[in-house]
Amino acid sequence: MSKLTREQVAARLKQLPSLPSAVTELLASFDNEDIDVTRIAHQIAHDQGLTARVLRVANSSFYGLQSRVGTINEAVVVLGFRAVRSMVLAVGMSGAFRIDHCPGFDARAYLRHCAAVGLLARGLAGGVGQNPELAFTGGILHDIGQLVLAANFPVQYAEVLAYRHQHDCFLVVAERDVLGLDHAEVGGMLSDAWRFPQALHAAVAEHHQPAAAEGGSLADLIHVADTLAHGLGLAHSADEMVMPLERTAWLRLGLDGDKIVAVLGGIEAELDETCQALNA
């Protein structure tokens, strides 16, 4: 088994390509009340690949627009800055890693699961007093530590996936047993390196242990959405397991069965189109 140290991971994170400047500025915008939205929209539009993917998401059934938007400025006007920001962050950061040489890593199942968590978190957010678009972003990015490991340590992570299959255990257990750390910890390191706002940092680093996070944080919501997505088998993965729900997160959010049922209708159809848009 190939243990990894935090120093090895940190060294590899320093070698990652820089994020697109528009993505970096959008991350900083969470802590800035005086945002020049027009300038940021113009900056996004200069990245043609990023713009094309964002517009595919904007025009998908996820937002249910009556007419198509053709520019980033139109998307901001119709959907609002926060919605466009969530789309740019989702496609900009998830697209920063290529998974080509990690046997056993199912990129399709990974995308479906993260999109499902994003959709569920977005659907639940309004009823628990949280921002829906931030919740969607947190759901999309919550497992980004898996991408870091699979893309940058493919041999070691393939061992993790084989161990998980052999021992029929949770992925975080396999990661800790084989590597000595897990994807939430690695995701937290990435969120520090890329200067995520605190809410997104919590969603990434603490979604498996939300009780350790600040009460009522986004980590609680992502933890519940993560548990639901696994329980419903939305990733369509043969290895999917139902993870235990941490009661603290459930109680702090004030959730009940009616709130959960209300967001489940049509989730599969919405998930399919969202995945197509994010994967384009």
Protein backbone atom coordinates (compact mmCIF):
# COMPACT_ATOMS: atom_id res chain seq x y z
CA MET A 1 0.00 0.00 0.00
CA SER A 2 1.20 3.49 -0.91
CA LYS A 3 0.73 6.00 1.89
CA LEU A 4 0.63 9.68 0.95
CA THR A 5 1.75 12.53 3.12
CA ARG A 6 0.20 15.96 3.26
CA GLU A 7 3.55 17.30 2.08
CA GLN A 8 3.37 15.19 -1.09
CA VAL A 9 -0.16 16.37 -1.81
CA ALA A 10 0.72 20.00 -1.10
CA ALA A 11 3.72 19.80 -3.45
CA ARG A 12 1.52 18.43 -6.25
CA LEU A 13 -1.13 21.12 -5.68
CA LYS A 14 1.54 23.78 -6.24
CA GLN A 15 2.18 22.27 -9.68
CA LEU A 16 -1.45 22.50 -10.84
CA PRO A 17 -2.20 24.93 -13.68
CA SER A 18 -3.66 28.23 -12.60
CA LEU A 19 -7.42 28.58 -12.62
CA PRO A 20 -8.90 30.81 -15.33
CA SER A 21 -8.73 34.41 -14.14
CA ALA A 22 -12.53 34.70 -14.26
CA VAL A 23 -12.87 31.74 -11.90
CA THR A 24 -10.32 33.19 -9.47
CA GLU A 25 -12.11 36.53 -9.42
CA LEU A 26 -15.49 34.88 -8.88
CA LEU A 27 -14.12 33.00 -5.88
CA ALA A 28 -12.95 36.31 -4.42
CA SER A 29 -16.36 37.88 -5.09
CA PHE A 30 -17.99 35.95 -2.23
CA ASP A 31 -16.25 38.27 0.23
CA ASN A 32 -16.70 41.45 -1.81
CA GLU A 33 -19.95 43.40 -1.61
CA ASP A 34 -18.85 45.90 -4.27
CA ILE A 35 -18.70 43.71 -7.39
CA ASP A 36 -18.37 45.07 -10.92
CA VAL A 37 -20.66 42.46 -12.48
CA THR A 38 -20.34 43.88 -16.00
CA ARG A 39 -16.56 43.66 -15.93
CA ILE A 40 -16.61 40.10 -14.57
CA ALA A 41 -19.15 39.03 -17.22
CA HIS A 42 -16.88 40.51 -19.88
CA GLN A 43 -13.93 38.61 -18.42
CA ILE A 44 -15.85 35.31 -18.47
CA ALA A 45 -16.89 35.93 -22.08
CA HIS A 46 -13.22 36.17 -23.11
CA ASP A 47 -12.80 32.46 -22.23
CA GLN A 48 -14.66 30.87 -25.14
CA GLY A 49 -14.54 27.32 -23.84
CA LEU A 50 -15.81 28.33 -20.41
CA THR A 51 -18.52 30.51 -21.93
CA ALA A 52 -19.80 27.71 -24.18
CA ARG A 53 -20.12 25.29 -21.28
CA VAL A 54 -21.80 27.86 -19.03
CA LEU A 55 -24.36 28.70 -21.72
CA ARG A 56 -25.14 25.00 -22.19
CA VAL A 57 -25.98 24.76 -18.50
CA ALA A 58 -27.95 28.03 -18.57
CA ASN A 59 -30.07 26.77 -21.47
CA SER A 60 -30.70 23.33 -19.99
CA SER A 61 -33.92 22.37 -18.21
CA PHE A 62 -32.08 23.00 -14.95
CA TYR A 63 -33.13 26.65 -15.17
CA GLY A 64 -36.27 26.23 -17.31
CA LEU A 65 -35.87 29.45 -19.32
CA GLN A 66 -38.64 30.39 -21.75
CA SER A 67 -36.10 31.53 -24.36
CA ARG A 68 -32.45 30.74 -24.91
CA VAL A 69 -29.64 33.03 -23.74
CA GLY A 70 -26.75 33.56 -26.11
CA THR A 71 -24.24 35.56 -24.09
CA ILE A 72 -22.91 35.73 -20.55
CA ASN A 73 -24.44 39.20 -20.16
CA GLU A 74 -27.86 37.84 -21.11
CA ALA A 75 -27.44 34.99 -18.64
CA VAL A 76 -26.60 37.47 -15.86
CA VAL A 77 -29.65 39.61 -16.70
CA VAL A 78 -32.07 36.67 -16.90
CA LEU A 79 -30.72 34.40 -14.15
CA GLY A 80 -28.83 36.81 -11.90
CA PHE A 81 -25.18 37.07 -11.02
CA ARG A 82 -25.23 34.43 -8.28
CA ALA A 83 -26.65 31.77 -10.59
CA VAL A 84 -24.09 32.51 -13.30
CA ARG A 85 -21.31 32.53 -10.72
CA SER A 86 -22.33 29.05 -9.54
CA MET A 87 -22.27 27.75 -13.13
CA VAL A 88 -18.85 29.23 -13.89
CA LEU A 89 -17.34 27.80 -10.70
CA ALA A 90 -18.92 24.39 -11.31
CA VAL A 91 -17.65 23.98 -14.86
CA GLY A 92 -14.42 25.93 -14.40
CA MET A 93 -13.05 23.99 -11.43
CA SER A 94 -14.37 20.52 -12.25
CA GLY A 95 -12.81 20.85 -15.70
CA ALA A 96 -9.37 21.58 -14.25
CA PHE A 97 -8.53 17.87 -13.87
CA ARG A 98 -8.18 15.13 -16.45
CA ILE A 99 -8.70 11.54 -15.34
CA ASP A 100 -7.00 9.44 -18.00
CA HIS A 101 -4.78 6.97 -16.16
CA CYS A 102 -6.55 5.84 -13.02
CA PRO A 103 -7.95 2.31 -13.48
CA GLY A 104 -11.27 1.84 -11.72
CA PHE A 105 -12.18 5.52 -11.52
CA ASP A 106 -15.64 5.97 -13.05
CA ALA A 107 -15.72 9.56 -14.26
CA ARG A 108 -19.33 9.29 -15.39
CA ALA A 109 -20.52 8.04 -12.00
CA TYR A 110 -18.47 10.76 -10.30
CA LEU A 111 -20.13 13.49 -12.36
CA ARG A 112 -23.62 12.05 -11.84
CA HIS A 113 -23.13 11.85 -8.09
CA CYS A 114 -21.77 15.40 -7.74
CA ALA A 115 -24.51 16.81 -9.98
CA ALA A 116 -27.12 14.92 -7.93
CA VAL A 117 -25.74 16.34 -4.68
CA GLY A 118 -25.77 19.82 -6.23
CA LEU A 119 -29.38 19.48 -7.37
CA LEU A 120 -30.57 18.05 -4.05
CA ALA A 121 -28.72 20.70 -2.05
CA ARG A 122 -30.12 23.43 -4.29
CA GLY A 123 -33.64 22.09 -3.86
CA LEU A 124 -33.35 21.91 -0.07
CA ALA A 125 -31.48 25.19 0.44
CA GLY A 126 -34.38 27.62 0.35
CA GLY A 127 -36.30 25.68 3.00
CA VAL A 128 -33.37 25.75 5.43
CA GLY A 129 -32.34 29.37 4.97
CA GLN A 130 -29.33 28.85 2.69
CA ASN A 131 -28.44 30.24 -0.73
CA PRO A 132 -29.56 27.79 -3.46
CA GLU A 133 -26.82 28.68 -5.93
CA LEU A 134 -24.06 28.41 -3.34
CA ALA A 135 -25.57 25.07 -2.32
CA PHE A 136 -25.45 23.87 -5.93
CA THR A 137 -21.82 24.92 -6.23
CA GLY A 138 -20.95 23.18 -2.97
CA GLY A 139 -22.65 19.99 -4.15
CA ILE A 140 -20.84 19.98 -7.49
CA LEU A 141 -17.46 20.52 -5.82
CA HIS A 142 -17.83 18.54 -2.58
CA ASP A 143 -15.86 15.51 -3.81
CA ILE A 144 -13.24 17.42 -5.79
CA GLY A 145 -10.56 15.83 -3.61
CA GLN A 146 -11.28 12.58 -5.46
CA LEU A 147 -10.36 14.30 -8.72
CA VAL A 148 -7.14 15.62 -7.20
CA LEU A 149 -6.14 12.12 -6.10
CA ALA A 150 -7.21 10.29 -9.26
CA ALA A 151 -5.57 12.83 -11.57
CA ASN A 152 -2.33 13.37 -9.66
CA PHE A 153 -1.78 10.04 -7.89
CA PRO A 154 -3.46 7.59 -10.28
CA VAL A 155 -1.49 4.48 -9.25
CA GLN A 156 -2.13 4.99 -5.55
CA TYR A 157 -5.77 5.89 -6.09
CA ALA A 158 -6.29 2.81 -8.24
CA GLU A 159 -5.12 0.84 -5.19
CA VAL A 160 -7.78 2.62 -3.13
CA LEU A 161 -10.52 1.69 -5.59
CA ALA A 162 -9.38 -1.93 -5.75
CA TYR A 163 -9.23 -2.10 -1.94
CA ARG A 164 -12.74 -0.67 -1.68
CA HIS A 165 -14.08 -3.30 -4.07
CA GLN A 166 -12.23 -6.12 -2.33
CA HIS A 167 -13.30 -5.13 1.19
CA ASP A 168 -16.77 -3.78 0.30
CA CYS A 169 -16.21 -0.67 2.42
CA PHE A 170 -16.92 3.03 2.18
CA LEU A 171 -14.59 5.00 -0.09
CA VAL A 172 -13.33 7.21 2.74
CA VAL A 173 -12.41 4.08 4.72
CA ALA A 174 -10.47 2.67 1.77
CA GLU A 175 -8.71 6.01 1.27
CA ARG A 176 -7.66 6.22 4.90
CA ASP A 177 -6.53 2.59 5.03
CA VAL A 178 -4.52 2.76 1.80
CA LEU A 179 -3.35 6.39 1.63
CA GLY A 180 -3.50 7.54 5.23
CA LEU A 181 -5.79 10.47 4.29
CA ASP A 182 -9.12 10.88 2.50
CA HIS A 183 -10.60 12.94 -0.30
CA ALA A 184 -12.29 15.41 2.06
CA GLU A 185 -8.92 16.28 3.62
CA VAL A 186 -7.31 16.61 0.19
CA GLY A 187 -10.25 18.70 -1.02
CA GLY A 188 -9.75 20.97 1.98
CA MET A 189 -6.11 21.41 1.02
CA LEU A 190 -7.15 22.31 -2.53
CA SER A 191 -9.73 24.78 -1.24
CA ASP A 192 -7.00 26.47 0.82
CA ALA A 193 -4.66 26.59 -2.17
CA TRP A 194 -7.36 28.02 -4.42
CA ARG A 195 -8.74 30.31 -1.70
CA PHE A 196 -12.30 29.04 -1.56
CA PRO A 197 -14.67 31.12 0.58
CA GLN A 198 -15.30 29.61 4.01
CA ALA A 199 -18.71 28.16 3.12
CA LEU A 200 -17.34 26.24 0.14
CA HIS A 201 -14.31 25.15 2.14
CA ALA A 202 -16.65 23.62 4.73
CA ALA A 203 -18.70 21.86 2.04
CA VAL A 204 -15.56 20.28 0.58
CA ALA A 205 -13.52 19.56 3.70
CA GLU A 206 -16.19 18.68 6.26
CA HIS A 207 -19.11 17.06 4.42
CA HIS A 208 -18.25 13.65 5.94
CA GLN A 209 -17.92 15.11 9.45
CA PRO A 210 -20.31 18.08 9.53
CA ALA A 211 -20.60 18.07 13.32
CA ALA A 212 -17.06 19.46 13.39
CA ALA A 213 -18.11 22.38 11.19
CA GLU A 214 -19.74 25.58 12.34
CA GLY A 215 -23.40 25.02 13.20
CA GLY A 216 -25.83 25.49 10.31
CA SER A 217 -23.03 25.62 7.78
CA LEU A 218 -23.16 24.51 4.18
CA ALA A 219 -21.37 21.33 5.30
CA ASP A 220 -24.59 20.18 7.01
CA LEU A 221 -26.63 20.65 3.84
CA ILE A 222 -24.06 18.97 1.59
CA HIS A 223 -23.77 16.05 4.02
CA VAL A 224 -27.53 15.43 3.89
CA ALA A 225 -27.67 15.84 0.10
CA ASP A 226 -24.68 13.50 -0.24
CA THR A 227 -26.41 10.87 1.91
CA LEU A 228 -29.63 11.17 -0.09
CA ALA A 229 -27.82 10.91 -3.43
CA HIS A 230 -26.04 7.73 -2.34
CA GLY A 231 -29.23 6.31 -0.84
CA LEU A 232 -31.13 6.85 -4.09
CA GLY A 233 -28.32 5.37 -6.16
CA LEU A 234 -28.33 8.36 -8.50
CA ALA A 235 -24.75 7.78 -9.70
CA HIS A 236 -25.80 4.44 -11.22
CA SER A 237 -22.62 2.90 -9.83
CA ALA A 238 -22.42 -0.78 -8.95
CA ASP A 239 -20.19 0.06 -5.95
CA GLU A 240 -22.49 2.72 -4.46
CA MET A 241 -23.14 2.35 -0.74
CA VAL A 242 -25.59 4.16 1.53
CA MET A 243 -23.55 6.29 3.89
CA PRO A 244 -24.79 6.95 7.46
CA LEU A 245 -26.58 10.23 8.07
CA GLU A 246 -25.12 12.31 10.87
CA ARG A 247 -28.01 13.28 13.13
CA THR A 248 -26.42 16.57 14.16
CA ALA A 249 -26.56 17.88 10.60
CA TRP A 250 -30.19 16.82 10.16
CA LEU A 251 -31.29 18.51 13.40
CA ARG A 252 -29.36 21.72 12.81
CA LEU A 253 -31.01 22.11 9.41
CA GLY A 254 -34.49 21.44 10.80
CA LEU A 255 -35.34 19.01 8.02
CA ASP A 256 -38.30 16.66 7.85
CA GLY A 257 -39.69 14.09 5.44
CA ASP A 258 -41.99 16.55 3.66
CA LYS A 259 -39.10 18.86 2.76
CA ILE A 260 -37.14 15.92 1.37
CA VAL A 261 -40.03 14.54 -0.70
CA ALA A 262 -40.69 17.99 -2.17
CA VAL A 263 -37.30 18.07 -3.95
CA LEU A 264 -37.25 14.50 -5.25
CA GLY A 265 -39.85 14.78 -8.00
CA GLY A 266 -38.30 14.61 -11.45
CA ILE A 267 -34.76 14.53 -10.06
CA GLU A 268 -33.62 11.80 -12.47
CA ALA A 269 -34.66 13.71 -15.61
CA GLU A 270 -33.18 16.93 -14.32
CA LEU A 271 -29.99 15.09 -13.40
CA ASP A 272 -29.58 13.59 -16.86
CA GLU A 273 -29.75 16.95 -18.60
CA THR A 274 -27.56 18.68 -16.04
CA CYS A 275 -24.87 16.02 -16.53
CA GLN A 276 -25.04 16.42 -20.29
CA ALA A 277 -24.61 20.18 -19.95
CA LEU A 278 -21.71 19.93 -17.46
CA ASN A 279 -19.96 17.24 -19.50
CA ALA A 280 -20.23 19.02 -22.86
